Amino acid sequence: MYDSEKIALGIAQAKGEGREIDDLTAKIIAAQFHDGSAQALAFLSTGAIQGSASDLWRAFGDGYTSHTAADRYALDWFGTYLQNRQSREEVEGWADLSW
């Protein structure tokens, strides 16, 4: 299964259950769109949100308007995940999250 399909499935499940995307879906989105910055790489490796959620989202959503509609939709869900996540700390078990 392609990452885009995993992302779509994760979003569909979250939407159907009326919740945010899960950590795994967020991690897959982050891996697909990161800009290589230290802040983005820290999130990718630990799930930690360093600085503001908005600043972190920009490290993934750069060039937002040039992305496809499906990519923008995924980035929107990712941004909401970042804004609403309770903890900014490292996510326990983050490194072990896999499809």
Protein backbone atom coordinates (compact mmCIF):
# COMPACT_ATOMS: atom_id res chain seq x y z
CA MET A 1 0.00 0.00 0.00
CA TYR A 2 1.32 3.45 -0.91
CA ASP A 3 1.75 6.16 1.73
CA SER A 4 -0.97 8.23 0.08
CA GLU A 5 -3.37 5.31 0.53
CA LYS A 6 -2.33 4.86 4.17
CA ILE A 7 -2.92 8.57 4.77
CA ALA A 8 -6.33 8.47 3.09
CA LEU A 9 -7.33 5.43 5.15
CA GLY A 10 -6.13 7.03 8.40
CA ILE A 11 -8.09 10.20 7.65
CA ALA A 12 -11.20 8.25 6.66
CA GLN A 13 -11.07 6.28 9.91
CA ALA A 14 -10.62 9.44 11.97
CA LYS A 15 -13.42 11.22 10.14
CA GLY A 16 -15.75 8.25 10.51
CA GLU A 17 -15.04 8.09 14.24
CA GLY A 18 -15.24 11.87 14.74
CA ARG A 19 -11.69 12.22 16.05
CA GLU A 20 -8.27 13.53 15.08
CA ILE A 21 -5.91 11.42 13.01
CA ASP A 22 -3.80 9.01 15.03
CA ASP A 23 -0.07 9.30 15.64
CA LEU A 24 0.78 6.84 12.89
CA THR A 25 -1.15 8.77 10.25
CA ALA A 26 0.49 12.00 11.43
CA LYS A 27 3.90 10.36 11.21
CA ILE A 28 3.25 9.17 7.65
CA ILE A 29 2.07 12.64 6.59
CA ALA A 30 5.13 14.19 8.23
CA ALA A 31 7.46 11.78 6.43
CA GLN A 32 5.89 12.68 3.10
CA PHE A 33 5.99 16.46 3.48
CA HIS A 34 8.88 17.47 5.78
CA ASP A 35 11.28 20.20 4.72
CA GLY A 36 14.40 18.73 6.33
CA SER A 37 14.57 21.39 9.04
CA ALA A 38 15.73 20.48 12.55
CA GLN A 39 12.22 21.11 13.90
CA ALA A 40 10.64 18.80 11.31
CA LEU A 41 13.25 16.09 11.80
CA ALA A 42 12.78 16.21 15.58
CA PHE A 43 9.07 15.64 15.09
CA LEU A 44 9.71 12.82 12.64
CA SER A 45 12.04 11.02 15.01
CA THR A 46 10.21 11.54 18.32
CA GLY A 47 6.78 13.09 17.73
CA ALA A 48 7.81 16.09 19.85
CA ILE A 49 6.36 19.45 18.93
CA GLN A 50 9.16 21.97 19.39
CA GLY A 51 8.06 25.58 19.34
CA SER A 52 4.56 26.37 18.20
CA ALA A 53 2.33 23.94 16.36
CA SER A 54 1.84 26.57 13.65
CA ASP A 55 5.57 26.93 13.07
CA LEU A 56 5.95 23.17 12.93
CA TRP A 57 3.10 22.88 10.43
CA ARG A 58 4.89 25.39 8.18
CA ALA A 59 7.89 23.03 8.12
CA PHE A 60 5.60 20.50 6.45
CA GLY A 61 3.12 22.68 4.58
CA ASP A 62 5.61 24.82 2.67
CA GLY A 63 4.23 25.52 -0.78
CA TYR A 64 0.77 24.52 0.42
CA THR A 65 -1.07 26.03 -2.54
CA SER A 66 1.11 24.20 -5.05
CA HIS A 67 0.14 20.79 -3.64
CA THR A 68 -2.69 18.67 -5.00
CA ALA A 69 -6.11 18.86 -3.37
CA ALA A 70 -5.52 15.47 -1.72
CA ASP A 71 -2.19 16.63 -0.31
CA ARG A 72 -3.72 19.86 1.02
CA TYR A 73 -6.49 17.81 2.64
CA ALA A 74 -3.88 15.62 4.38
CA LEU A 75 -1.92 18.70 5.47
CA ASP A 76 -5.10 20.25 6.86
CA TRP A 77 -5.74 17.15 8.97
CA PHE A 78 -2.11 17.16 10.06
CA GLY A 79 -2.34 20.82 11.09
CA THR A 80 -5.44 20.09 13.17
CA TYR A 81 -3.65 17.14 14.78
CA LEU A 82 -0.73 19.40 15.74
CA GLN A 83 -2.99 22.14 17.13
CA ASN A 84 -5.17 19.79 19.19
CA ARG A 85 -2.62 17.33 20.50
CA GLN A 86 -2.61 17.44 24.30
CA SER A 87 1.12 16.95 24.82
CA ARG A 88 4.02 18.64 23.05
CA GLU A 89 6.45 16.07 24.48
CA GLU A 90 7.97 13.07 22.73
CA VAL A 91 5.40 10.36 22.00
CA GLU A 92 6.13 7.11 23.78
CA GLY A 93 6.55 4.33 21.22
CA TRP A 94 6.77 6.80 18.30
CA ALA A 95 9.82 5.09 16.80
CA ASP A 96 7.96 1.78 16.76
CA LEU A 97 4.93 3.12 14.89
CA SER A 98 4.71 1.43 11.53
CA TRP A 99 2.13 0.19 9.09
